[in-house]
C-alpha atoms as a PDB file:
ATOM      1  CA  MET A   1      11.206 -89.356 145.646  1.00  0.00           C
ATOM      2  CA  PRO A   2      13.002 -86.331 147.160  1.00  0.00           C
ATOM      3  CA  ARG A   3      11.272 -84.615 150.014  1.00  0.00           C
ATOM      4  CA  MET A   4      10.417 -80.966 149.634  1.00  0.00           C
ATOM      5  CA  ALA A   5       9.921 -78.353 152.337  1.00  0.00           C
ATOM      6  CA  GLU A   6       6.451 -78.320 153.775  1.00  0.00           C
ATOM      7  CA  GLY A   7       3.973 -76.599 151.459  1.00  0.00           C
ATOM      8  CA  HIS A   8       6.175 -77.099 148.389  1.00  0.00           C
ATOM      9  CA  GLU A   9       5.406 -79.888 145.976  1.00  0.00           C
ATOM     10  CA  MET A  10       7.465 -80.977 143.019  1.00  0.00           C
ATOM     11  CA  LYS A  11       5.530 -80.145 139.879  1.00  0.00           C
ATOM     12  CA  HIS A  12       5.996 -81.519 136.407  1.00  0.00           C
ATOM     13  CA  GLU A  13       6.778 -78.718 133.987  1.00  0.00           C
ATOM     14  CA  PRO A  14       5.863 -79.486 130.386  1.00  0.00           C
ATOM     15  CA  TRP A  15       8.249 -78.929 127.509  1.00  0.00           C
ATOM     16  CA  VAL A  16       7.249 -76.136 125.120  1.00  0.00           C
ATOM     17  CA  SER A  17       8.025 -75.678 121.437  1.00  0.00           C
ATOM     18  CA  LEU A  18      10.198 -73.105 119.692  1.00  0.00           C
ATOM     19  CA  GLU A  19       7.066 -71.273 118.566  1.00  0.00           C
ATOM     20  CA  GLU A  20       5.667 -71.198 122.110  1.00  0.00           C
ATOM     21  CA  ILE A  21       8.895 -69.933 123.703  1.00  0.00           C
ATOM     22  CA  ALA A  22       9.257 -67.244 121.023  1.00  0.00           C
ATOM     23  CA  LYS A  23       5.697 -66.055 121.756  1.00  0.00           C
ATOM     24  CA  HIS A  24       6.364 -66.197 125.515  1.00  0.00           C
ATOM     25  CA  LEU A  25       9.409 -63.938 125.069  1.00  0.00           C
ATOM     26  CA  GLY A  26       7.876 -61.722 122.373  1.00  0.00           C
ATOM     27  CA  VAL A  27      10.664 -62.382 119.876  1.00  0.00           C
ATOM     28  CA  SER A  28      10.946 -64.107 116.524  1.00  0.00           C
ATOM     29  CA  GLN A  29      11.819 -67.773 116.114  1.00  0.00           C
ATOM     30  CA  ASP A  30      14.979 -66.660 114.298  1.00  0.00           C
ATOM     31  CA  THR A  31      16.026 -64.746 117.414  1.00  0.00           C
ATOM     32  CA  VAL A  32      15.507 -67.854 119.546  1.00  0.00           C
ATOM     33  CA  HIS A  33      17.668 -69.885 117.139  1.00  0.00           C
ATOM     34  CA  ARG A  34      20.374 -67.195 117.318  1.00  0.00           C
ATOM     35  CA  TRP A  35      20.270 -67.141 121.143  1.00  0.00           C
ATOM     36  CA  ILE A  36      20.621 -70.948 121.271  1.00  0.00           C
ATOM     37  CA  ARG A  37      23.604 -70.835 118.914  1.00  0.00           C
ATOM     38  CA  LEU A  38      25.414 -67.731 120.176  1.00  0.00           C
ATOM     39  CA  ARG A  39      24.323 -67.136 123.758  1.00  0.00           C
ATOM     40  CA  GLY A  40      23.741 -70.564 125.231  1.00  0.00           C
ATOM     41  CA  MET A  41      19.997 -70.287 125.695  1.00  0.00           C
ATOM     42  CA  PRO A  42      18.789 -73.409 127.556  1.00  0.00           C
ATOM     43  CA  ALA A  43      17.220 -75.676 124.956  1.00  0.00           C
ATOM     44  CA  HIS A  44      17.057 -79.393 124.255  1.00  0.00           C
ATOM     45  CA  LYS A  45      16.964 -81.045 120.849  1.00  0.00           C
ATOM     46  CA  VAL A  46      14.373 -83.816 120.591  1.00  0.00           C
ATOM     47  CA  GLY A  47      14.807 -85.354 117.164  1.00  0.00           C
ATOM     48  CA  ARG A  48      14.654 -82.370 114.826  1.00  0.00           C
ATOM     49  CA  LEU A  49      12.697 -80.182 117.258  1.00  0.00           C
ATOM     50  CA  TRP A  50      13.898 -77.758 119.911  1.00  0.00           C
ATOM     51  CA  LYS A  51      12.126 -78.009 123.278  1.00  0.00           C
ATOM     52  CA  PHE A  52      12.279 -75.646 126.239  1.00  0.00           C
ATOM     53  CA  LYS A  53      11.366 -75.392 129.914  1.00  0.00           C
ATOM     54  CA  VAL A  54       9.857 -71.951 130.486  1.00  0.00           C
ATOM     55  CA  SER A  55      11.358 -71.734 133.990  1.00  0.00           C
ATOM     56  CA  GLN A  56      14.892 -72.366 132.643  1.00  0.00           C
ATOM     57  CA  VAL A  57      14.470 -69.793 129.885  1.00  0.00           C
ATOM     58  CA  ASP A  58      13.037 -67.226 132.312  1.00  0.00           C
ATOM     59  CA  GLU A  59      16.042 -67.710 134.638  1.00  0.00           C
ATOM     60  CA  TRP A  60      18.382 -67.308 131.662  1.00  0.00           C
ATOM     61  CA  VAL A  61      16.655 -64.061 130.635  1.00  0.00           C
ATOM     62  CA  GLN A  62      16.643 -62.714 134.208  1.00  0.00           C
ATOM     63  CA  ALA A  63      20.379 -63.411 134.431  1.00  0.00           C
ATOM     64  CA  GLY A  64      20.833 -60.940 131.552  1.00  0.00           C
ATOM     65  CA  LYS A  65      21.915 -63.493 128.954  1.00  0.00           C
ATOM     66  CA  ALA A  66      19.398 -62.255 126.363  1.00  0.00           C
ATOM     67  CA  GLN A  67      20.496 -58.643 126.537  1.00  0.00           C
ATOM     68  CA  ASP A  68      21.588 -57.105 123.291  1.00  0.00           C
ATOM     69  CA  SER A  69      25.363 -56.657 123.385  1.00  0.00           C
ATOM     70  CA  GLU A  70      25.234 -54.189 120.500  1.00  0.00           C
ATOM     71  CA  GLY A  71      24.823 -50.433 120.925  1.00  0.00           C
END
């Protein structure tokens, strides 16, 4: 197991569903699908379901990848 700096522990982050990530971001599920397809939103297909790590999606948003390129 990798060692972390003192005071920092590795934590298991659960996967969340498409519905949960859409609610977290305050957008529709259709928007999330569009961002996956057109903007490279971090998402993982598990069978027929999309799954997300909130921390990865938050980093993606903070990097400006979700910004509307129109108007």
